[in-house]
Amino acid sequence: MNRPIFEIAKDIRNDWTNASPYALPYLEAMDELDSIEDRYIFDSAKSVVRYFLANATPWKGEVAREIKKELKDMVA
């Protein structure tokens, strides 16, 4: 069972305190999502997560690796 996306977003904010401005809109959208089946306005949760991952390359470290893997597994 996947964790709620808004919980993952909270963990991201706790670790990535100076998030990329390119990733931030997607992180803010993730604050509003529960499941990977949800929608955010006109976008699917999957596309929001994919766009976040595409813009989160500057985020490094063990927590980043673990959370990015968790998100990639959700959209696979």
Protein backbone atom coordinates (compact mmCIF):
# COMPACT_ATOMS: atom_id res chain seq x y z
CA MET A 1 0.00 0.00 0.00
CA ASN A 2 1.31 3.41 -0.98
CA ARG A 3 1.61 6.27 1.48
CA PRO A 4 -0.60 9.28 0.78
CA ILE A 5 1.14 11.66 -1.60
CA PHE A 6 0.58 14.62 0.71
CA GLU A 7 2.59 12.78 3.41
CA ILE A 8 5.42 12.18 0.94
CA ALA A 9 5.32 15.88 0.02
CA LYS A 10 5.68 16.77 3.70
CA ASP A 11 8.76 14.53 3.97
CA ILE A 12 10.20 16.17 0.85
CA ARG A 13 9.73 19.65 2.35
CA ASN A 14 11.38 18.53 5.60
CA ASP A 15 14.47 17.31 3.75
CA TRP A 16 14.67 19.64 0.73
CA THR A 17 14.40 22.97 2.52
CA ASN A 18 15.45 25.05 -0.49
CA ALA A 19 13.47 23.27 -3.20
CA SER A 20 14.06 24.14 -6.83
CA PRO A 21 11.62 26.77 -8.09
CA TYR A 22 10.95 24.45 -11.03
CA ALA A 23 9.88 21.58 -8.76
CA LEU A 24 7.93 23.75 -6.32
CA PRO A 25 4.64 24.00 -8.28
CA TYR A 26 4.49 20.21 -8.49
CA LEU A 27 5.37 19.82 -4.84
CA GLU A 28 2.55 22.23 -3.98
CA ALA A 29 0.17 20.16 -6.11
CA MET A 30 1.34 17.02 -4.31
CA ASP A 31 0.25 18.67 -1.02
CA GLU A 32 -3.32 18.30 -2.30
CA LEU A 33 -3.11 14.66 -3.45
CA ASP A 34 -3.94 11.54 -1.50
CA SER A 35 -3.58 8.72 -4.02
CA ILE A 36 -1.85 8.25 -7.36
CA GLU A 37 -5.37 7.85 -8.84
CA ASP A 38 -6.37 11.41 -7.82
CA ARG A 39 -6.50 14.48 -10.04
CA TYR A 40 -5.16 17.97 -9.43
CA ILE A 41 -7.23 20.43 -11.46
CA PHE A 42 -6.77 19.06 -15.01
CA ASP A 43 -3.72 16.89 -14.33
CA SER A 44 -3.54 13.33 -13.13
CA ALA A 45 -1.58 12.63 -9.96
CA LYS A 46 0.75 10.48 -12.07
CA SER A 47 1.64 13.42 -14.30
CA VAL A 48 2.15 15.72 -11.28
CA VAL A 49 4.53 13.18 -9.71
CA ARG A 50 6.37 12.63 -13.01
CA TYR A 51 6.83 16.38 -13.50
CA PHE A 52 8.04 16.71 -9.92
CA LEU A 53 10.60 13.94 -10.47
CA ALA A 54 11.77 15.54 -13.72
CA ASN A 55 12.41 18.81 -11.87
CA ALA A 56 13.83 17.31 -8.66
CA THR A 57 17.23 16.28 -10.03
CA PRO A 58 19.04 18.88 -7.84
CA TRP A 59 17.66 17.17 -4.70
CA LYS A 60 20.34 14.77 -3.46
CA GLY A 61 21.02 12.51 -0.51
CA GLU A 62 19.71 9.31 1.04
CA VAL A 63 16.23 10.67 1.79
CA ALA A 64 15.99 12.00 -1.77
CA ARG A 65 16.95 8.61 -3.22
CA GLU A 66 14.43 6.76 -1.06
CA ILE A 67 11.54 9.12 -1.78
CA LYS A 68 12.30 9.35 -5.50
CA LYS A 69 12.25 5.55 -5.68
CA GLU A 70 8.95 5.47 -3.78
CA LEU A 71 7.44 7.97 -6.23
CA LYS A 72 8.85 6.20 -9.30
CA ASP A 73 7.32 2.93 -8.09
CA MET A 74 3.94 4.67 -7.81
CA VAL A 75 3.95 5.88 -11.42
CA ALA A 76 5.51 2.78 -12.98
